[in-house]
């Protein structure tokens, strides 16, 4: 994927009332900035992680995608219980 395609995916992902599925590679070095007033008004970017991060550093990076530059945001990890065993 080219840098331009990656940036286009990110721009689309940060629009209000949008659900975007992305891979683990977007967890590091990707800035999901809240630039829409409606997005900020209703709580910012929310990231659902559907895998266990490999380490604490990766977890912090993923969680950090949500609230950039003091904007609101939230995150949650959702995993299948049987995969934890």
Foldseek 3Di string as FASTA:
>chain_A
DDPVVVVVLLVQQQDPPDDDDDDLVCLPPHANDNPDPVCLVVFWEEEEAADDDPDPVSVCSNQVNTQPPNGGYYYDYDYDPVVVD
